[in-house]
C-alpha atoms as a PDB file:
ATOM      1  CA  MET A   1     -26.592   2.823 -16.140  1.00  0.00           C
ATOM      2  CA  ASP A   2     -26.378   5.670 -13.035  1.00  0.00           C
ATOM      3  CA  THR A   3     -26.570   3.331 -10.933  1.00  0.00           C
ATOM      4  CA  PHE A   4     -24.230   0.910 -11.880  1.00  0.00           C
ATOM      5  CA  PHE A   5     -21.568   3.083 -12.694  1.00  0.00           C
ATOM      6  CA  LYS A   6     -21.937   4.072  -8.988  1.00  0.00           C
ATOM      7  CA  GLN A   7     -22.054   0.777  -7.893  1.00  0.00           C
ATOM      8  CA  VAL A   8     -18.506   0.286 -10.036  1.00  0.00           C
ATOM      9  CA  VAL A   9     -17.403   3.295  -8.393  1.00  0.00           C
ATOM     10  CA  ASN A  10     -17.822   2.310  -4.433  1.00  0.00           C
ATOM     11  CA  GLY A  11     -16.865  -1.190  -5.653  1.00  0.00           C
ATOM     12  CA  LEU A  12     -13.580   0.313  -6.810  1.00  0.00           C
ATOM     13  CA  SER A  13     -12.968   2.204  -3.753  1.00  0.00           C
ATOM     14  CA  LEU A  14     -13.948  -0.359  -1.297  1.00  0.00           C
ATOM     15  CA  GLY A  15     -11.419  -2.981  -3.722  1.00  0.00           C
ATOM     16  CA  GLY A  16      -8.298  -0.335  -3.460  1.00  0.00           C
ATOM     17  CA  ILE A  17      -8.863  -0.832   0.701  1.00  0.00           C
ATOM     18  CA  TYR A  18      -9.415  -4.709  -0.142  1.00  0.00           C
ATOM     19  CA  ALA A  19      -6.331  -4.907  -2.093  1.00  0.00           C
ATOM     20  CA  LEU A  20      -4.152  -2.948   0.265  1.00  0.00           C
ATOM     21  CA  ILE A  21      -4.754  -5.533   3.113  1.00  0.00           C
ATOM     22  CA  ALA A  22      -4.522  -7.956   0.753  1.00  0.00           C
ATOM     23  CA  LEU A  23      -1.135  -6.766  -0.422  1.00  0.00           C
ATOM     24  CA  GLY A  24       0.405  -7.889   3.791  1.00  0.00           C
ATOM     25  CA  TYR A  25      -1.431 -11.206   3.850  1.00  0.00           C
ATOM     26  CA  THR A  26       0.544 -12.463  -0.270  1.00  0.00           C
ATOM     27  CA  MET A  27       4.043 -10.356   1.209  1.00  0.00           C
ATOM     28  CA  VAL A  28       4.307 -12.260   4.199  1.00  0.00           C
ATOM     29  CA  TYR A  29       2.766 -15.661   2.763  1.00  0.00           C
ATOM     30  CA  GLY A  30       4.813 -15.430  -0.027  1.00  0.00           C
ATOM     31  CA  ILE A  31       8.616 -15.792   1.865  1.00  0.00           C
ATOM     32  CA  VAL A  32       7.044 -17.496   5.040  1.00  0.00           C
ATOM     33  CA  LYS A  33       4.381 -19.075   4.255  1.00  0.00           C
ATOM     34  CA  LEU A  34       2.196 -17.115   7.689  1.00  0.00           C
ATOM     35  CA  ILE A  35      -1.424 -16.501   7.136  1.00  0.00           C
ATOM     36  CA  ASN A  36      -0.758 -13.269   9.555  1.00  0.00           C
ATOM     37  CA  PHE A  37      -4.621 -13.207  10.680  1.00  0.00           C
ATOM     38  CA  ALA A  38      -3.714 -11.151  12.866  1.00  0.00           C
ATOM     39  CA  HIS A  39      -3.256  -8.898   9.754  1.00  0.00           C
ATOM     40  CA  GLY A  40      -6.737  -7.424  10.037  1.00  0.00           C
ATOM     41  CA  ASP A  41      -6.318  -5.881  13.354  1.00  0.00           C
ATOM     42  CA  VAL A  42      -3.389  -4.163  12.832  1.00  0.00           C
ATOM     43  CA  MET A  43      -5.728  -2.628  10.471  1.00  0.00           C
ATOM     44  CA  MET A  44      -7.622  -1.940  13.128  1.00  0.00           C
ATOM     45  CA  VAL A  45      -4.962  -0.549  15.355  1.00  0.00           C
ATOM     46  CA  GLY A  46      -4.342   2.343  12.103  1.00  0.00           C
ATOM     47  CA  ALA A  47      -7.624   3.155  11.861  1.00  0.00           C
ATOM     48  CA  TYR A  48      -7.796   4.478  16.047  1.00  0.00           C
ATOM     49  CA  THR A  49      -4.053   5.733  15.236  1.00  0.00           C
ATOM     50  CA  GLY A  50      -5.835   8.255  12.744  1.00  0.00           C
ATOM     51  CA  TYR A  51      -8.702   8.917  14.654  1.00  0.00           C
ATOM     52  CA  PHE A  52      -6.980  10.664  17.783  1.00  0.00           C
ATOM     53  CA  VAL A  53      -4.716  12.310  15.277  1.00  0.00           C
ATOM     54  CA  LEU A  54      -7.673  14.265  14.430  1.00  0.00           C
ATOM     55  CA  ARG A  55      -8.990  14.410  17.099  1.00  0.00           C
ATOM     56  CA  ALA A  56      -6.209  16.185  17.907  1.00  0.00           C
ATOM     57  CA  VAL A  57      -5.259  18.316  15.103  1.00  0.00           C
ATOM     58  CA  GLY A  58      -8.984  18.538  14.128  1.00  0.00           C
ATOM     59  CA  THR A  59     -10.267  17.609  10.038  1.00  0.00           C
ATOM     60  CA  THR A  60      -8.062  19.770   7.892  1.00  0.00           C
ATOM     61  CA  PRO A  61      -6.603  17.911   4.838  1.00  0.00           C
ATOM     62  CA  PHE A  62      -3.201  18.004   6.706  1.00  0.00           C
ATOM     63  CA  GLY A  63      -5.361  16.443   9.647  1.00  0.00           C
ATOM     64  CA  PHE A  64      -5.594  13.498   7.078  1.00  0.00           C
ATOM     65  CA  CYS A  65      -2.223  13.552   5.998  1.00  0.00           C
ATOM     66  CA  LEU A  66      -0.516  13.713   9.643  1.00  0.00           C
ATOM     67  CA  ALA A  67      -3.542  10.616  10.473  1.00  0.00           C
ATOM     68  CA  LEU A  68      -2.381   9.100   7.339  1.00  0.00           C
ATOM     69  CA  CYS A  69       1.629   8.937   7.347  1.00  0.00           C
ATOM     70  CA  ALA A  70       0.982   8.234  12.208  1.00  0.00           C
ATOM     71  CA  ALA A  71      -1.304   5.423  11.651  1.00  0.00           C
ATOM     72  CA  MET A  72       1.833   4.015   9.210  1.00  0.00           C
ATOM     73  CA  LEU A  73       4.275   4.442  11.380  1.00  0.00           C
ATOM     74  CA  VAL A  74       2.670   2.559  14.836  1.00  0.00           C
ATOM     75  CA  CYS A  75       1.224  -0.311  12.870  1.00  0.00           C
ATOM     76  CA  ALA A  76       4.771  -0.101  10.882  1.00  0.00           C
ATOM     77  CA  LEU A  77       6.336  -0.479  14.970  1.00  0.00           C
ATOM     78  CA  LEU A  78       3.985  -2.536  15.972  1.00  0.00           C
ATOM     79  CA  SER A  79       4.545  -5.055  13.521  1.00  0.00           C
ATOM     80  CA  LEU A  80       8.267  -5.311  14.442  1.00  0.00           C
ATOM     81  CA  VAL A  81       6.708  -5.791  17.651  1.00  0.00           C
ATOM     82  CA  ILE A  82       4.819  -8.709  16.604  1.00  0.00           C
ATOM     83  CA  GLU A  83       7.148 -10.624  14.395  1.00  0.00           C
ATOM     84  CA  ARG A  84       9.833 -10.067  16.678  1.00  0.00           C
ATOM     85  CA  CYS A  85       8.354 -11.627  20.350  1.00  0.00           C
ATOM     86  CA  ALA A  86       5.589 -13.900  18.488  1.00  0.00           C
ATOM     87  CA  TYR A  87       6.586 -15.593  14.933  1.00  0.00           C
ATOM     88  CA  ARG A  88      10.548 -15.362  14.741  1.00  0.00           C
ATOM     89  CA  PRO A  89      10.477 -17.353  17.446  1.00  0.00           C
ATOM     90  CA  LEU A  90       8.571 -20.067  15.639  1.00  0.00           C
ATOM     91  CA  ARG A  91      10.023 -19.377  12.070  1.00  0.00           C
ATOM     92  CA  ASN A  92      11.549 -23.050  12.823  1.00  0.00           C
ATOM     93  CA  ALA A  93       7.866 -24.945  14.224  1.00  0.00           C
ATOM     94  CA  PRO A  94       5.452 -26.018  12.184  1.00  0.00           C
ATOM     95  CA  ARG A  95       3.526 -24.261  10.587  1.00  0.00           C
ATOM     96  CA  LEU A  96       0.384 -24.448  12.643  1.00  0.00           C
ATOM     97  CA  ASN A  97       2.377 -23.167  15.440  1.00  0.00           C
ATOM     98  CA  SER A  98       2.547 -20.287  13.533  1.00  0.00           C
ATOM     99  CA  LEU A  99      -1.487 -20.410  12.862  1.00  0.00           C
ATOM    100  CA  ILE A 100      -2.530 -21.212  16.236  1.00  0.00           C
ATOM    101  CA  THR A 101       0.065 -17.534  16.389  1.00  0.00           C
ATOM    102  CA  ALA A 102      -1.398 -15.579  14.312  1.00  0.00           C
ATOM    103  CA  ILE A 103      -4.550 -16.242  16.184  1.00  0.00           C
ATOM    104  CA  ALA A 104      -3.800 -15.348  19.006  1.00  0.00           C
ATOM    105  CA  VAL A 105      -2.651 -12.330  18.219  1.00  0.00           C
ATOM    106  CA  GLU A 106      -4.965 -11.676  16.780  1.00  0.00           C
ATOM    107  CA  LEU A 107      -6.983 -11.510  19.868  1.00  0.00           C
ATOM    108  CA  ILE A 108      -4.901 -10.068  22.024  1.00  0.00           C
ATOM    109  CA  LEU A 109      -5.018  -6.962  19.781  1.00  0.00           C
ATOM    110  CA  GLN A 110      -8.738  -7.215  19.739  1.00  0.00           C
ATOM    111  CA  ASN A 111      -9.265  -7.651  23.611  1.00  0.00           C
ATOM    112  CA  LEU A 112      -6.154  -5.142  24.406  1.00  0.00           C
ATOM    113  CA  MET A 113      -7.717  -2.477  22.592  1.00  0.00           C
ATOM    114  CA  ARG A 114     -11.284  -3.522  24.823  1.00  0.00           C
ATOM    115  CA  VAL A 115      -9.782  -2.628  28.189  1.00  0.00           C
ATOM    116  CA  LEU A 116      -7.515   0.223  27.391  1.00  0.00           C
ATOM    117  CA  PRO A 117      -9.099   3.204  28.969  1.00  0.00           C
ATOM    118  CA  PHE A 118      -8.870   5.693  26.167  1.00  0.00           C
ATOM    119  CA  VAL A 119     -10.910   3.058  23.666  1.00  0.00           C
ATOM    120  CA  GLY A 120     -12.653   1.340  25.661  1.00  0.00           C
ATOM    121  CA  PRO A 121     -15.657  -1.865  23.617  1.00  0.00           C
ATOM    122  CA  ASN A 122     -17.719   0.638  22.267  1.00  0.00           C
ATOM    123  CA  SER A 123     -18.268   1.842  18.470  1.00  0.00           C
ATOM    124  CA  ARG A 124     -16.339   5.645  17.920  1.00  0.00           C
ATOM    125  CA  PRO A 125     -17.907   7.795  14.576  1.00  0.00           C
ATOM    126  CA  PHE A 126     -14.798   8.302  12.132  1.00  0.00           C
ATOM    127  CA  PRO A 127     -14.342  11.913  11.867  1.00  0.00           C
ATOM    128  CA  ALA A 128     -15.009  13.495   8.984  1.00  0.00           C
ATOM    129  CA  MET A 129     -14.484  15.871   6.376  1.00  0.00           C
ATOM    130  CA  PRO A 130     -15.796  19.162   7.180  1.00  0.00           C
ATOM    131  CA  SER A 131     -19.247  19.986   5.597  1.00  0.00           C
ATOM    132  CA  LYS A 132     -18.508  23.097   3.040  1.00  0.00           C
ATOM    133  CA  THR A 133     -15.238  20.635   1.523  1.00  0.00           C
ATOM    134  CA  HIS A 134     -17.286  17.482   2.156  1.00  0.00           C
ATOM    135  CA  ARG A 135     -19.423  17.544  -1.452  1.00  0.00           C
ATOM    136  CA  LEU A 136     -19.582  15.611  -4.298  1.00  0.00           C
ATOM    137  CA  VAL A 137     -17.926  15.908  -7.967  1.00  0.00           C
ATOM    138  CA  THR A 138     -19.922  14.444 -11.212  1.00  0.00           C
ATOM    139  CA  SER A 139     -17.423  13.746 -13.552  1.00  0.00           C
ATOM    140  CA  SER A 140     -18.068  14.435 -17.456  1.00  0.00           C
ATOM    141  CA  PHE A 141     -17.986  10.822 -18.350  1.00  0.00           C
ATOM    142  CA  PRO A 142     -20.563   9.617 -19.626  1.00  0.00           C
ATOM    143  CA  ASP A 143     -22.325  12.144 -19.564  1.00  0.00           C
ATOM    144  CA  GLY A 144     -21.937  13.101 -16.467  1.00  0.00           C
ATOM    145  CA  LEU A 145     -23.528   9.570 -15.893  1.00  0.00           C
ATOM    146  CA  VAL A 146     -20.535   9.005 -12.981  1.00  0.00           C
ATOM    147  CA  SER A 147     -21.377  10.902  -9.460  1.00  0.00           C
ATOM    148  CA  ILE A 148     -17.861   9.958  -7.498  1.00  0.00           C
ATOM    149  CA  SER A 149     -17.936  11.954  -4.142  1.00  0.00           C
ATOM    150  CA  ASP A 150     -13.968  13.568  -2.479  1.00  0.00           C
ATOM    151  CA  ILE A 151     -13.961  10.200  -0.035  1.00  0.00           C
ATOM    152  CA  GLN A 152     -14.127   8.045  -2.479  1.00  0.00           C
ATOM    153  CA  LEU A 153     -11.535  10.300  -4.728  1.00  0.00           C
ATOM    154  CA  ILE A 154      -9.339  10.058  -2.110  1.00  0.00           C
ATOM    155  CA  VAL A 155      -9.137   6.215  -1.491  1.00  0.00           C
ATOM    156  CA  ILE A 156      -9.164   5.349  -5.009  1.00  0.00           C
ATOM    157  CA  PHE A 157      -6.198   7.598  -5.551  1.00  0.00           C
ATOM    158  CA  SER A 158      -4.484   6.573  -2.364  1.00  0.00           C
ATOM    159  CA  SER A 159      -5.180   3.494  -3.056  1.00  0.00           C
ATOM    160  CA  MET A 160      -3.262   3.824  -6.460  1.00  0.00           C
ATOM    161  CA  VAL A 161      -0.454   5.342  -5.450  1.00  0.00           C
ATOM    162  CA  LEU A 162       0.236   3.237  -2.407  1.00  0.00           C
ATOM    163  CA  MET A 163      -0.246   0.270  -4.821  1.00  0.00           C
ATOM    164  CA  VAL A 164       2.275   1.361  -7.344  1.00  0.00           C
ATOM    165  CA  LEU A 165       5.011   3.148  -4.720  1.00  0.00           C
ATOM    166  CA  LEU A 166       5.270  -0.823  -3.773  1.00  0.00           C
ATOM    167  CA  THR A 167       5.402  -2.415  -6.894  1.00  0.00           C
ATOM    168  CA  LEU A 168       8.771   0.016  -7.641  1.00  0.00           C
ATOM    169  CA  LEU A 169       9.944  -0.968  -4.310  1.00  0.00           C
ATOM    170  CA  ILE A 170       9.549  -4.123  -4.990  1.00  0.00           C
ATOM    171  CA  ASN A 171      11.082  -4.469  -8.016  1.00  0.00           C
ATOM    172  CA  TYR A 172      13.540  -1.557  -8.655  1.00  0.00           C
ATOM    173  CA  THR A 173      14.574  -2.025  -4.860  1.00  0.00           C
ATOM    174  CA  ARG A 174      17.646  -3.536  -3.414  1.00  0.00           C
ATOM    175  CA  THR A 175      15.269  -3.764  -0.704  1.00  0.00           C
ATOM    176  CA  GLY A 176      12.421  -5.623  -2.919  1.00  0.00           C
ATOM    177  CA  LYS A 177      15.604  -7.767  -4.647  1.00  0.00           C
ATOM    178  CA  ALA A 178      16.666  -9.176  -0.649  1.00  0.00           C
ATOM    179  CA  MET A 179      12.728  -9.903  -0.108  1.00  0.00           C
ATOM    180  CA  ARG A 180      11.934 -11.397  -3.407  1.00  0.00           C
ATOM    181  CA  ALA A 181      15.262 -13.466  -3.135  1.00  0.00           C
ATOM    182  CA  VAL A 182      13.971 -14.929   0.534  1.00  0.00           C
ATOM    183  CA  SER A 183      10.862 -15.690  -1.457  1.00  0.00           C
ATOM    184  CA  TRP A 184      12.718 -17.584  -3.707  1.00  0.00           C
ATOM    185  CA  ASP A 185      14.852 -19.489  -1.329  1.00  0.00           C
ATOM    186  CA  LEU A 186      15.894 -18.931   2.056  1.00  0.00           C
ATOM    187  CA  GLY A 187      18.150 -20.973   2.617  1.00  0.00           C
ATOM    188  CA  ALA A 188      20.517 -19.841  -0.873  1.00  0.00           C
ATOM    189  CA  ALA A 189      19.499 -15.934   0.193  1.00  0.00           C
ATOM    190  CA  SER A 190      21.168 -16.239   3.184  1.00  0.00           C
ATOM    191  CA  LEU A 191      24.277 -18.542   2.143  1.00  0.00           C
ATOM    192  CA  MET A 192      24.378 -15.031  -0.251  1.00  0.00           C
ATOM    193  CA  GLY A 193      24.910 -12.816   2.307  1.00  0.00           C
ATOM    194  CA  ILE A 194      21.283 -12.046   3.094  1.00  0.00           C
ATOM    195  CA  SER A 195      20.074 -10.798   6.149  1.00  0.00           C
ATOM    196  CA  VAL A 196      16.485 -13.346   6.122  1.00  0.00           C
ATOM    197  CA  ASN A 197      15.531 -11.845   9.985  1.00  0.00           C
ATOM    198  CA  ARG A 198      15.688  -8.056   8.596  1.00  0.00           C
ATOM    199  CA  THR A 199      14.516  -9.565   5.229  1.00  0.00           C
ATOM    200  CA  ILE A 200      11.252 -10.649   6.503  1.00  0.00           C
ATOM    201  CA  ALA A 201      10.778  -7.786   9.672  1.00  0.00           C
ATOM    202  CA  ILE A 202      11.082  -5.420   6.310  1.00  0.00           C
ATOM    203  CA  THR A 203       8.152  -7.305   5.148  1.00  0.00           C
ATOM    204  CA  PHE A 204       5.963  -7.473   7.915  1.00  0.00           C
ATOM    205  CA  VAL A 205       6.640  -3.363   8.482  1.00  0.00           C
ATOM    206  CA  ILE A 206       5.839  -3.188   4.607  1.00  0.00           C
ATOM    207  CA  GLY A 207       2.268  -4.970   4.848  1.00  0.00           C
ATOM    208  CA  SER A 208       1.589  -3.614   8.234  1.00  0.00           C
ATOM    209  CA  ILE A 209       2.532   0.277   7.008  1.00  0.00           C
ATOM    210  CA  LEU A 210       0.030  -0.446   3.699  1.00  0.00           C
ATOM    211  CA  ALA A 211      -2.900  -2.144   6.582  1.00  0.00           C
ATOM    212  CA  GLY A 212      -2.555   1.301   8.435  1.00  0.00           C
ATOM    213  CA  ALA A 213      -3.465   2.845   5.484  1.00  0.00           C
ATOM    214  CA  GLY A 214      -6.097   1.108   4.903  1.00  0.00           C
ATOM    215  CA  GLY A 215      -7.359   1.443   8.631  1.00  0.00           C
ATOM    216  CA  VAL A 216      -7.770   4.694   8.125  1.00  0.00           C
ATOM    217  CA  LEU A 217      -8.883   4.884   4.800  1.00  0.00           C
ATOM    218  CA  TYR A 218     -12.015   2.356   5.516  1.00  0.00           C
ATOM    219  CA  ALA A 219     -12.991   4.468   8.604  1.00  0.00           C
ATOM    220  CA  MET A 220     -12.998   7.288   6.317  1.00  0.00           C
ATOM    221  CA  ALA A 221     -14.834   5.695   3.863  1.00  0.00           C
ATOM    222  CA  TYR A 222     -16.810   3.820   6.337  1.00  0.00           C
ATOM    223  CA  PRO A 223     -17.180   5.963   9.234  1.00  0.00           C
ATOM    224  CA  GLN A 224     -17.529   4.121  12.719  1.00  0.00           C
ATOM    225  CA  ILE A 225     -14.396   2.262  14.825  1.00  0.00           C
ATOM    226  CA  GLU A 226     -14.201  -0.633  16.695  1.00  0.00           C
ATOM    227  CA  PRO A 227     -11.556  -3.292  18.159  1.00  0.00           C
ATOM    228  CA  THR A 228     -13.287  -5.766  16.269  1.00  0.00           C
ATOM    229  CA  MET A 229     -13.890  -3.482  12.823  1.00  0.00           C
ATOM    230  CA  GLY A 230     -10.872  -5.674  11.381  1.00  0.00           C
ATOM    231  CA  TYR A 231     -12.042  -8.775  12.043  1.00  0.00           C
ATOM    232  CA  ILE A 232     -13.753  -8.720   8.498  1.00  0.00           C
ATOM    233  CA  PRO A 233     -11.960  -6.236   6.381  1.00  0.00           C
ATOM    234  CA  GLY A 234      -8.808  -8.970   7.286  1.00  0.00           C
ATOM    235  CA  LEU A 235     -10.914 -12.451   6.136  1.00  0.00           C
ATOM    236  CA  LYS A 236     -12.299 -10.537   3.032  1.00  0.00           C
ATOM    237  CA  ALA A 237      -8.862  -9.567   2.172  1.00  0.00           C
ATOM    238  CA  PHE A 238      -7.789 -12.746   3.051  1.00  0.00           C
ATOM    239  CA  VAL A 239     -10.210 -13.748   0.636  1.00  0.00           C
ATOM    240  CA  ALA A 240      -8.481 -11.028  -2.550  1.00  0.00           C
ATOM    241  CA  ALA A 241      -5.158 -12.607  -1.792  1.00  0.00           C
ATOM    242  CA  VAL A 242      -6.820 -16.585  -2.172  1.00  0.00           C
ATOM    243  CA  LEU A 243      -8.259 -15.254  -5.814  1.00  0.00           C
ATOM    244  CA  GLY A 244      -5.661 -13.592  -7.195  1.00  0.00           C
ATOM    245  CA  GLY A 245      -2.883 -15.940  -5.872  1.00  0.00           C
ATOM    246  CA  ILE A 246      -1.598 -15.320  -2.704  1.00  0.00           C
ATOM    247  CA  GLY A 247       2.205 -15.037  -3.246  1.00  0.00           C
ATOM    248  CA  SER A 248       1.676 -12.363  -6.121  1.00  0.00           C
ATOM    249  CA  VAL A 249       2.003  -8.894  -5.341  1.00  0.00           C
ATOM    250  CA  PRO A 250      -0.033  -8.234  -8.560  1.00  0.00           C
ATOM    251  CA  GLY A 251      -3.002 -11.092  -7.980  1.00  0.00           C
ATOM    252  CA  ALA A 252      -3.306  -9.208  -4.521  1.00  0.00           C
ATOM    253  CA  MET A 253      -4.453  -6.315  -6.501  1.00  0.00           C
ATOM    254  CA  VAL A 254      -6.705  -7.590  -8.723  1.00  0.00           C
ATOM    255  CA  GLY A 255      -7.855  -9.888  -6.534  1.00  0.00           C
ATOM    256  CA  GLY A 256      -8.770  -7.048  -4.278  1.00  0.00           C
ATOM    257  CA  VAL A 257     -10.164  -4.776  -6.700  1.00  0.00           C
ATOM    258  CA  LEU A 258     -12.456  -7.736  -8.259  1.00  0.00           C
ATOM    259  CA  LEU A 259     -13.697  -8.326  -4.845  1.00  0.00           C
ATOM    260  CA  GLY A 260     -14.919  -4.836  -3.724  1.00  0.00           C
ATOM    261  CA  VAL A 261     -17.250  -4.509  -7.428  1.00  0.00           C
ATOM    262  CA  VAL A 262     -18.466  -8.203  -7.513  1.00  0.00           C
ATOM    263  CA  GLU A 263     -19.320  -6.777  -3.414  1.00  0.00           C
ATOM    264  CA  THR A 264     -21.419  -3.673  -4.251  1.00  0.00           C
ATOM    265  CA  LEU A 265     -23.021  -5.196  -7.804  1.00  0.00           C
ATOM    266  CA  VAL A 266     -24.143  -8.061  -5.378  1.00  0.00           C
ATOM    267  CA  LYS A 267     -25.316  -5.183  -2.434  1.00  0.00           C
ATOM    268  CA  ALA A 268     -27.373  -2.710  -5.216  1.00  0.00           C
ATOM    269  CA  TYR A 269     -29.053  -5.807  -7.278  1.00  0.00           C
ATOM    270  CA  VAL A 270     -29.210  -8.897  -4.969  1.00  0.00           C
ATOM    271  CA  SER A 271     -29.674  -7.923  -1.389  1.00  0.00           C
ATOM    272  CA  SER A 272     -26.865  -6.956   0.717  1.00  0.00           C
ATOM    273  CA  GLN A 273     -27.737  -9.733   2.936  1.00  0.00           C
ATOM    274  CA  TYR A 274     -25.660 -11.858   1.220  1.00  0.00           C
ATOM    275  CA  SER A 275     -22.870  -9.615   0.879  1.00  0.00           C
ATOM    276  CA  ASP A 276     -20.742 -11.529   2.784  1.00  0.00           C
ATOM    277  CA  ALA A 277     -22.040 -14.767   1.766  1.00  0.00           C
ATOM    278  CA  ILE A 278     -20.556 -14.152  -1.946  1.00  0.00           C
ATOM    279  CA  SER A 279     -16.825 -13.286  -1.104  1.00  0.00           C
ATOM    280  CA  TYR A 280     -16.594 -16.378   0.654  1.00  0.00           C
ATOM    281  CA  LEU A 281     -18.279 -18.242  -1.976  1.00  0.00           C
ATOM    282  CA  ILE A 282     -15.869 -16.586  -4.526  1.00  0.00           C
ATOM    283  CA  LEU A 283     -12.957 -18.609  -1.711  1.00  0.00           C
ATOM    284  CA  ILE A 284     -14.628 -21.649  -2.273  1.00  0.00           C
ATOM    285  CA  LEU A 285     -15.028 -21.966  -6.068  1.00  0.00           C
ATOM    286  CA  MET A 286     -11.854 -20.539  -6.221  1.00  0.00           C
ATOM    287  CA  LEU A 287     -10.138 -23.710  -4.515  1.00  0.00           C
ATOM    288  CA  LEU A 288     -11.974 -25.797  -6.363  1.00  0.00           C
ATOM    289  CA  VAL A 289     -11.667 -24.587  -9.498  1.00  0.00           C
ATOM    290  CA  LYS A 290      -7.937 -22.733  -9.937  1.00  0.00           C
ATOM    291  CA  PRO A 291      -6.828 -22.900  -6.151  1.00  0.00           C
ATOM    292  CA  SER A 292      -3.603 -21.436  -6.886  1.00  0.00           C
ATOM    293  CA  GLY A 293      -5.920 -18.218  -7.681  1.00  0.00           C
ATOM    294  CA  LEU A 294      -5.589 -15.810 -10.933  1.00  0.00           C
ATOM    295  CA  LEU A 295      -2.493 -14.663 -11.040  1.00  0.00           C
ATOM    296  CA  GLY A 296      -0.732 -17.498  -9.146  1.00  0.00           C
ATOM    297  CA  LYS A 297       1.995 -20.011 -10.133  1.00  0.00           C
ATOM    298  CA  LYS A 298       1.152 -23.769  -9.564  1.00  0.00           C
ATOM    299  CA  GLN A 299       3.900 -25.264  -7.147  1.00  0.00           C
ATOM    300  CA  LEU A 300       4.997 -28.980  -6.238  1.00  0.00           C
ATOM    301  CA  VAL A 301       5.694 -30.248  -2.954  1.00  0.00           C
ATOM    302  CA  LYS A 302       7.467 -32.902  -2.215  1.00  0.00           C
ATOM    303  CA  VAL A 303       6.550 -35.225   0.435  1.00  0.00           C
END
């Protein structure tokens, strides 16, 4: 029983990170119908930003907060450049063109980080908390069976806070209303005076902010970074978005958490060799059984 609860906690921690990255996929798709495969590499840039900030200021609680904020800021600026230079010129082009461009941006980010002299192709250990603060916190429910590390607490709490803030922004702000309007009907939103280009750019920024935070949290939980580190988490976050219903913000949250829990349980009770395969098996089954996802809505397309 202790092992089961421990794996569930691990799954919630990992699932929270998947959910943060999946939100970027689902928000962008909901507005411009683009699968932004470069999103996982934006997360990688966030992890490296956090790495350099922690190396500069030290691994204190303030340092981790600063690293998180710096990663979100850098990823937000990067998303503006990517959206303006790579995606906006293809706004009215066939979707296949935008998809190929997204894959090209992914490869450019990976290889650019490889050739930068202060990054390089080799992996690096992510700075960890000092041993005196890195301790195990044991809860009293049920009867002290659940053990949660401070890193897991930070990851789960940070993920929940960011997802709650995103939900409030989408549902209760003018920007959120504009995003929902553009998602529903881009042409009608433009006729109603909404700046479509600005709204789409803001959507990319918000998604990349969450990816930057996810990159730092992922590196804290799995303390090793490299230029290709965003590829697998990015793919699994895409699976989470499809599982929950791509285009649905609550669906991305639910899909990320479910995928994280299932993956850790498979590692614990089946084999770690099947942890990646089970994610893609879930994707195939979901597309066969319920293509709209758990919380997605069926859409009729006229041809």
